[in-house]
Amino acid sequence: MINQFLGTALRADEVNEYGNYSIDTIDPANIEAAICMPGLGFHRNQSQQPLHVKRRDLLPVVRIWSTLVHANILPCSHVSDLHWTRSILMYCIMTQRTVDLGGIICMEISGCAN
């Protein structure tokens, strides 16, 4: 319903690539290469799993997209860094992957309602 309203419905032959990614299926190095300034990347936990990347370490265009996403799609008051799950969305945007925008908004609304 949200996709119909926004005019962003996926075609029958399109797959929601963003929805197919998970923490276990995507290499953090690929995300770093797509969204971070050269030589910079994620802050990691003791197990070397990515946690977040500082906003200052993002490419300028990713900072712009991040501001848009944080303000309109996935509202967040803490915007000084980009957490792992949101970085996957930025990766999909920067690499022109298919994203189900209505699905993301619906999940966010559902999460807020609960």
PDB file of N, CA and C in Angstrom:
ATOM      1  N   MET A   1       0.821  -1.180   0.000  1.00  0.00           N
ATOM      2  CA  MET A   1       0.000   0.000   0.000  1.00  0.00           C
ATOM      3  C   MET A   1       0.876   1.260   0.000  1.00  0.00           C
ATOM      4  N   ILE A   2       1.903   1.279   0.838  1.00  0.00           N
ATOM      5  CA  ILE A   2       2.781   2.453   0.906  1.00  0.00           C
ATOM      6  C   ILE A   2       3.501   2.642  -0.422  1.00  0.00           C
ATOM      7  N   ASN A   3       3.976   1.542  -1.012  1.00  0.00           N
ATOM      8  CA  ASN A   3       4.667   1.640  -2.302  1.00  0.00           C
ATOM      9  C   ASN A   3       3.745   2.178  -3.386  1.00  0.00           C
ATOM     10  N   GLN A   4       2.479   1.796  -3.361  1.00  0.00           N
ATOM     11  CA  GLN A   4       1.539   2.309  -4.356  1.00  0.00           C
ATOM     12  C   GLN A   4       1.371   3.814  -4.186  1.00  0.00           C
ATOM     13  N   PHE A   5       1.244   4.256  -2.942  1.00  0.00           N
ATOM     14  CA  PHE A   5       1.095   5.681  -2.668  1.00  0.00           C
ATOM     15  C   PHE A   5       2.328   6.459  -3.132  1.00  0.00           C
ATOM     16  N   LEU A   6       3.516   5.914  -2.854  1.00  0.00           N
ATOM     17  CA  LEU A   6       4.764   6.599  -3.215  1.00  0.00           C
ATOM     18  C   LEU A   6       5.153   6.415  -4.683  1.00  0.00           C
ATOM     19  N   GLY A   7       4.506   5.463  -5.345  1.00  0.00           N
ATOM     20  CA  GLY A   7       4.881   5.164  -6.725  1.00  0.00           C
ATOM     21  C   GLY A   7       6.193   4.404  -6.811  1.00  0.00           C
ATOM     22  N   THR A   8       6.478   3.605  -5.778  1.00  0.00           N
ATOM     23  CA  THR A   8       7.748   2.879  -5.726  1.00  0.00           C
ATOM     24  C   THR A   8       7.572   1.367  -5.715  1.00  0.00           C
ATOM     25  N   ALA A   9       6.418   0.894  -6.155  1.00  0.00           N
ATOM     26  CA  ALA A   9       6.169  -0.547  -6.142  1.00  0.00           C
ATOM     27  C   ALA A   9       7.165  -1.272  -7.037  1.00  0.00           C
ATOM     28  N   LEU A  10       7.653  -2.409  -6.551  1.00  0.00           N
ATOM     29  CA  LEU A  10       8.573  -3.217  -7.343  1.00  0.00           C
ATOM     30  C   LEU A  10       7.802  -3.914  -8.458  1.00  0.00           C
ATOM     31  N   ARG A  11       8.446  -4.034  -9.600  1.00  0.00           N
ATOM     32  CA  ARG A  11       7.846  -4.788 -10.698  1.00  0.00           C
ATOM     33  C   ARG A  11       7.870  -6.274 -10.339  1.00  0.00           C
ATOM     34  N   ALA A  12       7.058  -7.053 -11.032  1.00  0.00           N
ATOM     35  CA  ALA A  12       6.974  -8.486 -10.752  1.00  0.00           C
ATOM     36  C   ALA A  12       8.320  -9.184 -10.918  1.00  0.00           C
ATOM     37  N   ASP A  13       9.171  -8.671 -11.816  1.00  0.00           N
ATOM     38  CA  ASP A  13      10.468  -9.311 -12.058  1.00  0.00           C
ATOM     39  C   ASP A  13      11.584  -8.757 -11.166  1.00  0.00           C
ATOM     40  N   GLU A  14      11.262  -7.821 -10.278  1.00  0.00           N
ATOM     41  CA  GLU A  14      12.273  -7.233  -9.391  1.00  0.00           C
ATOM     42  C   GLU A  14      12.309  -7.951  -8.043  1.00  0.00           C
ATOM     43  N   VAL A  15      13.500  -8.034  -7.493  1.00  0.00           N
ATOM     44  CA  VAL A  15      13.707  -8.641  -6.184  1.00  0.00           C
ATOM     45  C   VAL A  15      14.203  -7.558  -5.234  1.00  0.00           C
ATOM     46  N   ASN A  16      13.710  -7.561  -4.022  1.00  0.00           N
ATOM     47  CA  ASN A  16      14.154  -6.612  -3.003  1.00  0.00           C
ATOM     48  C   ASN A  16      15.544  -7.038  -2.521  1.00  0.00           C
ATOM     49  N   GLU A  17      16.578  -6.531  -3.179  1.00  0.00           N
ATOM     50  CA  GLU A  17      17.941  -6.932  -2.837  1.00  0.00           C
ATOM     51  C   GLU A  17      18.302  -6.525  -1.416  1.00  0.00           C
ATOM     52  N   TYR A  18      17.860  -5.368  -0.983  1.00  0.00           N
ATOM     53  CA  TYR A  18      18.127  -4.918   0.383  1.00  0.00           C
ATOM     54  C   TYR A  18      17.570  -5.913   1.394  1.00  0.00           C
ATOM     55  N   GLY A  19      16.375  -6.392   1.159  1.00  0.00           N
ATOM     56  CA  GLY A  19      15.742  -7.342   2.072  1.00  0.00           C
ATOM     57  C   GLY A  19      16.434  -8.688   2.118  1.00  0.00           C
ATOM     58  N   ASN A  20      17.212  -9.000   1.089  1.00  0.00           N
ATOM     59  CA  ASN A  20      17.920 -10.278   1.053  1.00  0.00           C
ATOM     60  C   ASN A  20      19.244 -10.246   1.801  1.00  0.00           C
ATOM     61  N   TYR A  21      19.738  -9.044   2.119  1.00  0.00           N
ATOM     62  CA  TYR A  21      21.001  -8.942   2.848  1.00  0.00           C
ATOM     63  C   TYR A  21      20.751  -9.124   4.337  1.00  0.00           C
ATOM     64  N   SER A  22      21.701  -9.721   4.988  1.00  0.00           N
ATOM     65  CA  SER A  22      21.659  -9.823   6.443  1.00  0.00           C
ATOM     66  C   SER A  22      23.076  -9.650   6.962  1.00  0.00           C
ATOM     67  N   ILE A  23      23.205  -9.603   8.250  1.00  0.00           N
ATOM     68  CA  ILE A  23      24.517  -9.420   8.867  1.00  0.00           C
ATOM     69  C   ILE A  23      25.477 -10.521   8.429  1.00  0.00           C
ATOM     70  N   ASP A  24      24.953 -11.710   8.202  1.00  0.00           N
ATOM     71  CA  ASP A  24      25.813 -12.849   7.877  1.00  0.00           C
ATOM     72  C   ASP A  24      26.120 -12.994   6.396  1.00  0.00           C
ATOM     73  N   THR A  25      25.391 -12.312   5.521  1.00  0.00           N
ATOM     74  CA  THR A  25      25.547 -12.564   4.085  1.00  0.00           C
ATOM     75  C   THR A  25      26.297 -11.484   3.332  1.00  0.00           C
ATOM     76  N   ILE A  26      26.705 -10.443   3.999  1.00  0.00           N
ATOM     77  CA  ILE A  26      27.371  -9.360   3.281  1.00  0.00           C
ATOM     78  C   ILE A  26      28.713  -9.065   3.945  1.00  0.00           C
ATOM     79  N   ASP A  27      29.718  -8.876   3.130  1.00  0.00           N
ATOM     80  CA  ASP A  27      31.071  -8.620   3.613  1.00  0.00           C
ATOM     81  C   ASP A  27      31.201  -7.148   4.003  1.00  0.00           C
ATOM     82  N   PRO A  28      31.547  -6.868   5.250  1.00  0.00           N
ATOM     83  CA  PRO A  28      31.706  -5.476   5.675  1.00  0.00           C
ATOM     84  C   PRO A  28      32.699  -4.694   4.816  1.00  0.00           C
ATOM     85  N   ALA A  29      33.702  -5.359   4.267  1.00  0.00           N
ATOM     86  CA  ALA A  29      34.680  -4.670   3.415  1.00  0.00           C
ATOM     87  C   ALA A  29      34.010  -4.095   2.174  1.00  0.00           C
ATOM     88  N   ASN A  30      33.012  -4.786   1.640  1.00  0.00           N
ATOM     89  CA  ASN A  30      32.278  -4.272   0.479  1.00  0.00           C
ATOM     90  C   ASN A  30      31.503  -3.011   0.845  1.00  0.00           C
ATOM     91  N   ILE A  31      30.905  -3.019   2.020  1.00  0.00           N
ATOM     92  CA  ILE A  31      30.165  -1.838   2.468  1.00  0.00           C
ATOM     93  C   ILE A  31      31.120  -0.679   2.696  1.00  0.00           C
ATOM     94  N   GLU A  32      32.235  -0.940   3.367  1.00  0.00           N
ATOM     95  CA  GLU A  32      33.222   0.115   3.615  1.00  0.00           C
ATOM     96  C   GLU A  32      33.699   0.739   2.309  1.00  0.00           C
ATOM     97  N   ALA A  33      33.961  -0.096   1.312  1.00  0.00           N
ATOM     98  CA  ALA A  33      34.446   0.408   0.022  1.00  0.00           C
ATOM     99  C   ALA A  33      33.418   1.301  -0.658  1.00  0.00           C
ATOM    100  N   ALA A  34      32.136   1.025  -0.442  1.00  0.00           N
ATOM    101  CA  ALA A  34      31.077   1.776  -1.116  1.00  0.00           C
ATOM    102  C   ALA A  34      30.677   3.052  -0.393  1.00  0.00           C
ATOM    103  N   ILE A  35      30.827   3.088   0.934  1.00  0.00           N
ATOM    104  CA  ILE A  35      30.278   4.234   1.666  1.00  0.00           C
ATOM    105  C   ILE A  35      31.301   5.061   2.437  1.00  0.00           C
ATOM    106  N   CYS A  36      32.500   4.534   2.643  1.00  0.00           N
ATOM    107  CA  CYS A  36      33.485   5.223   3.493  1.00  0.00           C
ATOM    108  C   CYS A  36      34.575   5.907   2.679  1.00  0.00           C
ATOM    109  N   MET A  37      35.156   6.930   3.296  1.00  0.00           N
ATOM    110  CA  MET A  37      36.325   7.583   2.715  1.00  0.00           C
ATOM    111  C   MET A  37      37.444   6.538   2.657  1.00  0.00           C
ATOM    112  N   PRO A  38      38.335   6.637   1.664  1.00  0.00           N
ATOM    113  CA  PRO A  38      39.425   5.658   1.544  1.00  0.00           C
ATOM    114  C   PRO A  38      40.228   5.540   2.842  1.00  0.00           C
ATOM    115  N   GLY A  39      40.471   4.295   3.230  1.00  0.00           N
ATOM    116  CA  GLY A  39      41.260   4.024   4.426  1.00  0.00           C
ATOM    117  C   GLY A  39      40.486   4.064   5.731  1.00  0.00           C
ATOM    118  N   LEU A  40      39.216   4.421   5.675  1.00  0.00           N
ATOM    119  CA  LEU A  40      38.400   4.504   6.887  1.00  0.00           C
ATOM    120  C   LEU A  40      37.308   3.446   6.838  1.00  0.00           C
ATOM    121  N   GLY A  41      36.726   3.156   7.992  1.00  0.00           N
ATOM    122  CA  GLY A  41      35.686   2.132   8.005  1.00  0.00           C
ATOM    123  C   GLY A  41      35.013   2.003   9.354  1.00  0.00           C
ATOM    124  N   PHE A  42      34.476   0.830   9.591  1.00  0.00           N
ATOM    125  CA  PHE A  42      33.668   0.554  10.770  1.00  0.00           C
ATOM    126  C   PHE A  42      34.491   0.503  12.050  1.00  0.00           C
ATOM    127  N   HIS A  43      33.876   0.956  13.124  1.00  0.00           N
ATOM    128  CA  HIS A  43      34.368   0.643  14.460  1.00  0.00           C
ATOM    129  C   HIS A  43      33.827  -0.754  14.732  1.00  0.00           C
ATOM    130  N   ARG A  44      34.641  -1.608  15.322  1.00  0.00           N
ATOM    131  CA  ARG A  44      34.262  -3.014  15.499  1.00  0.00           C
ATOM    132  C   ARG A  44      34.306  -3.419  16.968  1.00  0.00           C
ATOM    133  N   ASN A  45      33.579  -4.498  17.276  1.00  0.00           N
ATOM    134  CA  ASN A  45      33.616  -5.030  18.634  1.00  0.00           C
ATOM    135  C   ASN A  45      34.829  -5.950  18.789  1.00  0.00           C
ATOM    136  N   GLN A  46      34.954  -6.601  19.941  1.00  0.00           N
ATOM    137  CA  GLN A  46      36.118  -7.451  20.194  1.00  0.00           C
ATOM    138  C   GLN A  46      36.175  -8.656  19.268  1.00  0.00           C
ATOM    139  N   SER A  47      35.032  -9.057  18.728  1.00  0.00           N
ATOM    140  CA  SER A  47      34.978 -10.175  17.775  1.00  0.00           C
ATOM    141  C   SER A  47      35.181  -9.716  16.340  1.00  0.00           C
ATOM    142  N   GLN A  48      35.498  -8.440  16.170  1.00  0.00           N
ATOM    143  CA  GLN A  48      35.724  -7.820  14.862  1.00  0.00           C
ATOM    144  C   GLN A  48      34.464  -7.711  14.005  1.00  0.00           C
ATOM    145  N   GLN A  49      33.296  -7.772  14.641  1.00  0.00           N
ATOM    146  CA  GLN A  49      32.048  -7.540  13.919  1.00  0.00           C
ATOM    147  C   GLN A  49      31.826  -6.034  13.826  1.00  0.00           C
ATOM    148  N   PRO A  50      31.349  -5.553  12.677  1.00  0.00           N
ATOM    149  CA  PRO A  50      31.139  -4.107  12.519  1.00  0.00           C
ATOM    150  C   PRO A  50      30.005  -3.601  13.403  1.00  0.00           C
ATOM    151  N   LEU A  51      30.229  -2.451  14.007  1.00  0.00           N
ATOM    152  CA  LEU A  51      29.207  -1.825  14.845  1.00  0.00           C
ATOM    153  C   LEU A  51      28.627  -0.587  14.176  1.00  0.00           C
ATOM    154  N   HIS A  52      29.503   0.370  13.872  1.00  0.00           N
ATOM    155  CA  HIS A  52      29.061   1.628  13.267  1.00  0.00           C
ATOM    156  C   HIS A  52      30.251   2.306  12.595  1.00  0.00           C
ATOM    157  N   VAL A  53      29.929   3.283  11.773  1.00  0.00           N
ATOM    158  CA  VAL A  53      30.955   4.112  11.148  1.00  0.00           C
ATOM    159  C   VAL A  53      30.618   5.565  11.485  1.00  0.00           C
ATOM    160  N   LYS A  54      31.620   6.324  11.838  1.00  0.00           N
ATOM    161  CA  LYS A  54      31.414   7.738  12.165  1.00  0.00           C
ATOM    162  C   LYS A  54      30.987   8.508  10.918  1.00  0.00           C
ATOM    163  N   ARG A  55      30.103   9.438  11.100  1.00  0.00           N
ATOM    164  CA  ARG A  55      29.597  10.257   9.989  1.00  0.00           C
ATOM    165  C   ARG A  55      30.734  10.945   9.242  1.00  0.00           C
ATOM    166  N   ARG A  56      31.726  11.416   9.970  1.00  0.00           N
ATOM    167  CA  ARG A  56      32.859  12.114   9.341  1.00  0.00           C
ATOM    168  C   ARG A  56      33.671  11.195   8.423  1.00  0.00           C
ATOM    169  N   ASP A  57      33.534   9.878   8.597  1.00  0.00           N
ATOM    170  CA  ASP A  57      34.278   8.912   7.789  1.00  0.00           C
ATOM    171  C   ASP A  57      33.528   8.479   6.531  1.00  0.00           C
ATOM    172  N   LEU A  58      32.296   8.961   6.367  1.00  0.00           N
ATOM    173  CA  LEU A  58      31.487   8.614   5.196  1.00  0.00           C
ATOM    174  C   LEU A  58      31.856   9.501   4.011  1.00  0.00           C
ATOM    175  N   LEU A  59      31.664   8.970   2.813  1.00  0.00           N
ATOM    176  CA  LEU A  59      31.804   9.790   1.611  1.00  0.00           C
ATOM    177  C   LEU A  59      30.780  10.923   1.673  1.00  0.00           C
ATOM    178  N   PRO A  60      31.089  12.093   1.119  1.00  0.00           N
ATOM    179  CA  PRO A  60      30.140  13.215   1.177  1.00  0.00           C
ATOM    180  C   PRO A  60      28.745  12.876   0.656  1.00  0.00           C
ATOM    181  N   VAL A  61      28.646  12.153  -0.443  1.00  0.00           N
ATOM    182  CA  VAL A  61      27.330  11.814  -0.990  1.00  0.00           C
ATOM    183  C   VAL A  61      26.577  10.879  -0.044  1.00  0.00           C
ATOM    184  N   VAL A  62      27.293  10.027   0.672  1.00  0.00           N
ATOM    185  CA  VAL A  62      26.654   9.130   1.639  1.00  0.00           C
ATOM    186  C   VAL A  62      26.149   9.928   2.840  1.00  0.00           C
ATOM    187  N   ARG A  63      26.869  10.964   3.227  1.00  0.00           N
ATOM    188  CA  ARG A  63      26.393  11.837   4.316  1.00  0.00           C
ATOM    189  C   ARG A  63      25.055  12.470   3.940  1.00  0.00           C
ATOM    190  N   ILE A  64      24.941  12.892   2.691  1.00  0.00           N
ATOM    191  CA  ILE A  64      23.688  13.499   2.222  1.00  0.00           C
ATOM    192  C   ILE A  64      22.561  12.475   2.261  1.00  0.00           C
ATOM    193  N   TRP A  65      22.801  11.293   1.702  1.00  0.00           N
ATOM    194  CA  TRP A  65      21.793  10.236   1.716  1.00  0.00           C
ATOM    195  C   TRP A  65      21.439   9.846   3.149  1.00  0.00           C
ATOM    196  N   SER A  66      22.435   9.777   4.008  1.00  0.00           N
ATOM    197  CA  SER A  66      22.204   9.416   5.403  1.00  0.00           C
ATOM    198  C   SER A  66      21.288  10.431   6.085  1.00  0.00           C
ATOM    199  N   THR A  67      21.504  11.698   5.815  1.00  0.00           N
ATOM    200  CA  THR A  67      20.647  12.747   6.376  1.00  0.00           C
ATOM    201  C   THR A  67      19.207  12.568   5.904  1.00  0.00           C
ATOM    202  N   LEU A  68      19.030  12.299   4.629  1.00  0.00           N
ATOM    203  CA  LEU A  68      17.692  12.074   4.078  1.00  0.00           C
ATOM    204  C   LEU A  68      17.027  10.863   4.723  1.00  0.00           C
ATOM    205  N   VAL A  69      17.760   9.772   4.818  1.00  0.00           N
ATOM    206  CA  VAL A  69      17.204   8.547   5.400  1.00  0.00           C
ATOM    207  C   VAL A  69      16.869   8.753   6.876  1.00  0.00           C
ATOM    208  N   HIS A  70      17.781   9.363   7.623  1.00  0.00           N
ATOM    209  CA  HIS A  70      17.535   9.585   9.054  1.00  0.00           C
ATOM    210  C   HIS A  70      16.364  10.536   9.293  1.00  0.00           C
ATOM    211  N   ALA A  71      16.148  11.472   8.417  1.00  0.00           N
ATOM    212  CA  ALA A  71      15.076  12.453   8.611  1.00  0.00           C
ATOM    213  C   ALA A  71      13.719  11.977   8.107  1.00  0.00           C
ATOM    214  N   ASN A  72      13.703  11.142   7.076  1.00  0.00           N
ATOM    215  CA  ASN A  72      12.434  10.847   6.409  1.00  0.00           C
ATOM    216  C   ASN A  72      12.031   9.384   6.330  1.00  0.00           C
ATOM    217  N   ILE A  73      12.973   8.476   6.300  1.00  0.00           N
ATOM    218  CA  ILE A  73      12.634   7.069   6.077  1.00  0.00           C
ATOM    219  C   ILE A  73      12.778   6.257   7.360  1.00  0.00           C
ATOM    220  N   LEU A  74      13.913   6.394   8.018  1.00  0.00           N
ATOM    221  CA  LEU A  74      14.184   5.706   9.280  1.00  0.00           C
ATOM    222  C   LEU A  74      14.582   6.755  10.319  1.00  0.00           C
ATOM    223  N   PRO A  75      13.612   7.477  10.858  1.00  0.00           N
ATOM    224  CA  PRO A  75      13.940   8.569  11.782  1.00  0.00           C
ATOM    225  C   PRO A  75      14.819   8.107  12.937  1.00  0.00           C
ATOM    226  N   CYS A  76      15.756   8.962  13.271  1.00  0.00           N
ATOM    227  CA  CYS A  76      16.727   8.637  14.306  1.00  0.00           C
ATOM    228  C   CYS A  76      17.253   9.941  14.890  1.00  0.00           C
ATOM    229  N   SER A  77      17.356   9.997  16.206  1.00  0.00           N
ATOM    230  CA  SER A  77      17.881  11.212  16.825  1.00  0.00           C
ATOM    231  C   SER A  77      19.399  11.169  16.955  1.00  0.00           C
ATOM    232  N   HIS A  78      19.977   9.978  16.882  1.00  0.00           N
ATOM    233  CA  HIS A  78      21.426   9.814  17.007  1.00  0.00           C
ATOM    234  C   HIS A  78      22.017   9.689  15.602  1.00  0.00           C
ATOM    235  N   VAL A  79      22.537  10.778  15.079  1.00  0.00           N
ATOM    236  CA  VAL A  79      22.987  10.779  13.684  1.00  0.00           C
ATOM    237  C   VAL A  79      24.482  11.039  13.526  1.00  0.00           C
ATOM    238  N   SER A  80      25.247  10.956  14.619  1.00  0.00           N
ATOM    239  CA  SER A  80      26.687  11.210  14.503  1.00  0.00           C
ATOM    240  C   SER A  80      27.435  10.020  13.925  1.00  0.00           C
ATOM    241  N   ASP A  81      26.764   8.882  13.875  1.00  0.00           N
ATOM    242  CA  ASP A  81      27.356   7.728  13.216  1.00  0.00           C
ATOM    243  C   ASP A  81      26.262   6.911  12.537  1.00  0.00           C
ATOM    244  N   LEU A  82      26.695   5.966  11.742  1.00  0.00           N
ATOM    245  CA  LEU A  82      25.776   5.137  10.967  1.00  0.00           C
ATOM    246  C   LEU A  82      25.951   3.699  11.443  1.00  0.00           C
ATOM    247  N   HIS A  83      24.907   3.147  12.046  1.00  0.00           N
ATOM    248  CA  HIS A  83      24.989   1.791  12.563  1.00  0.00           C
ATOM    249  C   HIS A  83      24.972   0.774  11.426  1.00  0.00           C
ATOM    250  N   TRP A  84      25.422  -0.420  11.748  1.00  0.00           N
ATOM    251  CA  TRP A  84      25.603  -1.489  10.769  1.00  0.00           C
ATOM    252  C   TRP A  84      24.361  -1.704   9.915  1.00  0.00           C
ATOM    253  N   THR A  85      23.188  -1.833  10.526  1.00  0.00           N
ATOM    254  CA  THR A  85      21.983  -2.129   9.752  1.00  0.00           C
ATOM    255  C   THR A  85      21.640  -1.007   8.775  1.00  0.00           C
ATOM    256  N   ARG A  86      21.828   0.221   9.185  1.00  0.00           N
ATOM    257  CA  ARG A  86      21.557   1.346   8.284  1.00  0.00           C
ATOM    258  C   ARG A  86      22.641   1.473   7.219  1.00  0.00           C
ATOM    259  N   SER A  87      23.831   1.017   7.538  1.00  0.00           N
ATOM    260  CA  SER A  87      24.906   1.072   6.544  1.00  0.00           C
ATOM    261  C   SER A  87      24.621   0.118   5.384  1.00  0.00           C
ATOM    262  N   ILE A  88      23.902  -0.969   5.661  1.00  0.00           N
ATOM    263  CA  ILE A  88      23.519  -1.884   4.582  1.00  0.00           C
ATOM    264  C   ILE A  88      22.584  -1.159   3.610  1.00  0.00           C
ATOM    265  N   LEU A  89      21.654  -0.375   4.136  1.00  0.00           N
ATOM    266  CA  LEU A  89      20.769   0.413   3.275  1.00  0.00           C
ATOM    267  C   LEU A  89      21.575   1.415   2.456  1.00  0.00           C
ATOM    268  N   MET A  90      22.533   2.086   3.075  1.00  0.00           N
ATOM    269  CA  MET A  90      23.381   3.043   2.340  1.00  0.00           C
ATOM    270  C   MET A  90      24.163   2.334   1.240  1.00  0.00           C
ATOM    271  N   TYR A  91      24.653   1.143   1.540  1.00  0.00           N
ATOM    272  CA  TYR A  91      25.364   0.343   0.540  1.00  0.00           C
ATOM    273  C   TYR A  91      24.450   0.063  -0.653  1.00  0.00           C
ATOM    274  N   CYS A  92      23.220  -0.342  -0.369  1.00  0.00           N
ATOM    275  CA  CYS A  92      22.271  -0.638  -1.452  1.00  0.00           C
ATOM    276  C   CYS A  92      21.977   0.604  -2.286  1.00  0.00           C
ATOM    277  N   ILE A  93      21.835   1.740  -1.643  1.00  0.00           N
ATOM    278  CA  ILE A  93      21.584   2.985  -2.375  1.00  0.00           C
ATOM    279  C   ILE A  93      22.782   3.334  -3.244  1.00  0.00           C
ATOM    280  N   MET A  94      23.975   3.271  -2.670  1.00  0.00           N
ATOM    281  CA  MET A  94      25.184   3.675  -3.393  1.00  0.00           C
ATOM    282  C   MET A  94      25.540   2.728  -4.535  1.00  0.00           C
ATOM    283  N   THR A  95      25.155   1.468  -4.425  1.00  0.00           N
ATOM    284  CA  THR A  95      25.472   0.496  -5.477  1.00  0.00           C
ATOM    285  C   THR A  95      24.260   0.199  -6.356  1.00  0.00           C
ATOM    286  N   GLN A  96      23.231   1.014  -6.211  1.00  0.00           N
ATOM    287  CA  GLN A  96      22.020   0.949  -7.029  1.00  0.00           C
ATOM    288  C   GLN A  96      21.333  -0.417  -6.971  1.00  0.00           C
ATOM    289  N   ARG A  97      21.256  -0.967  -5.766  1.00  0.00           N
ATOM    290  CA  ARG A  97      20.519  -2.210  -5.545  1.00  0.00           C
ATOM    291  C   ARG A  97      19.036  -1.878  -5.388  1.00  0.00           C
ATOM    292  N   THR A  98      18.195  -2.869  -5.575  1.00  0.00           N
ATOM    293  CA  THR A  98      16.756  -2.686  -5.445  1.00  0.00           C
ATOM    294  C   THR A  98      16.372  -2.653  -3.966  1.00  0.00           C
ATOM    295  N   VAL A  99      15.581  -1.650  -3.597  1.00  0.00           N
ATOM    296  CA  VAL A  99      15.151  -1.460  -2.210  1.00  0.00           C
ATOM    297  C   VAL A  99      13.633  -1.311  -2.183  1.00  0.00           C
ATOM    298  N   ASP A 100      12.985  -2.061  -1.297  1.00  0.00           N
ATOM    299  CA  ASP A 100      11.537  -1.952  -1.102  1.00  0.00           C
ATOM    300  C   ASP A 100      11.276  -0.841  -0.085  1.00  0.00           C
ATOM    301  N   LEU A 101      11.167   0.377  -0.568  1.00  0.00           N
ATOM    302  CA  LEU A 101      11.016   1.547   0.293  1.00  0.00           C
ATOM    303  C   LEU A 101       9.764   1.452   1.165  1.00  0.00           C
ATOM    304  N   GLY A 102       8.667   1.045   0.570  1.00  0.00           N
ATOM    305  CA  GLY A 102       7.425   0.911   1.332  1.00  0.00           C
ATOM    306  C   GLY A 102       7.552  -0.111   2.446  1.00  0.00           C
ATOM    307  N   GLY A 103       8.259  -1.196   2.175  1.00  0.00           N
ATOM    308  CA  GLY A 103       8.478  -2.222   3.194  1.00  0.00           C
ATOM    309  C   GLY A 103       9.286  -1.696   4.365  1.00  0.00           C
ATOM    310  N   ILE A 104      10.307  -0.894   4.068  1.00  0.00           N
ATOM    311  CA  ILE A 104      11.135  -0.302   5.127  1.00  0.00           C
ATOM    312  C   ILE A 104      10.289   0.631   5.990  1.00  0.00           C
ATOM    313  N   ILE A 105       9.512   1.486   5.350  1.00  0.00           N
ATOM    314  CA  ILE A 105       8.668   2.428   6.089  1.00  0.00           C
ATOM    315  C   ILE A 105       7.631   1.677   6.916  1.00  0.00           C
ATOM    316  N   CYS A 106       7.036   0.646   6.341  1.00  0.00           N
ATOM    317  CA  CYS A 106       6.032  -0.152   7.050  1.00  0.00           C
ATOM    318  C   CYS A 106       6.636  -0.812   8.293  1.00  0.00           C
ATOM    319  N   MET A 107       7.837  -1.377   8.163  1.00  0.00           N
ATOM    320  CA  MET A 107       8.510  -2.012   9.303  1.00  0.00           C
ATOM    321  C   MET A 107       8.822  -0.980  10.388  1.00  0.00           C
ATOM    322  N   GLU A 108       9.234   0.207   9.977  1.00  0.00           N
ATOM    323  CA  GLU A 108       9.556   1.267  10.938  1.00  0.00           C
ATOM    324  C   GLU A 108       8.299   1.709  11.688  1.00  0.00           C
ATOM    325  N   ILE A 109       7.204   1.888  10.974  1.00  0.00           N
ATOM    326  CA  ILE A 109       5.939   2.265  11.614  1.00  0.00           C
ATOM    327  C   ILE A 109       5.495   1.169  12.576  1.00  0.00           C
ATOM    328  N   SER A 110       5.586  -0.066  12.137  1.00  0.00           N
ATOM    329  CA  SER A 110       5.196  -1.199  12.969  1.00  0.00           C
ATOM    330  C   SER A 110       6.040  -1.267  14.238  1.00  0.00           C
ATOM    331  N   GLY A 111       7.348  -1.036  14.095  1.00  0.00           N
ATOM    332  CA  GLY A 111       8.236  -1.045  15.251  1.00  0.00           C
ATOM    333  C   GLY A 111       7.912   0.057  16.240  1.00  0.00           C
ATOM    334  N   CYS A 112       7.553   1.220  15.736  1.00  0.00           N
ATOM    335  CA  CYS A 112       7.193   2.345  16.613  1.00  0.00           C
ATOM    336  C   CYS A 112       5.865   2.097  17.314  1.00  0.00           C
ATOM    337  N   ALA A 113       4.942   1.434  16.629  1.00  0.00           N
ATOM    338  CA  ALA A 113       3.617   1.180  17.187  1.00  0.00           C
ATOM    339  C   ALA A 113       3.662   0.143  18.303  1.00  0.00           C
ATOM    340  N   ASN A 114       4.642  -0.728  18.239  1.00  0.00           N
ATOM    341  CA  ASN A 114       4.744  -1.781  19.268  1.00  0.00           C
ATOM    342  C   ASN A 114       5.594  -1.267  20.370  1.00  0.00           C
TER     343      ASN A 114
END
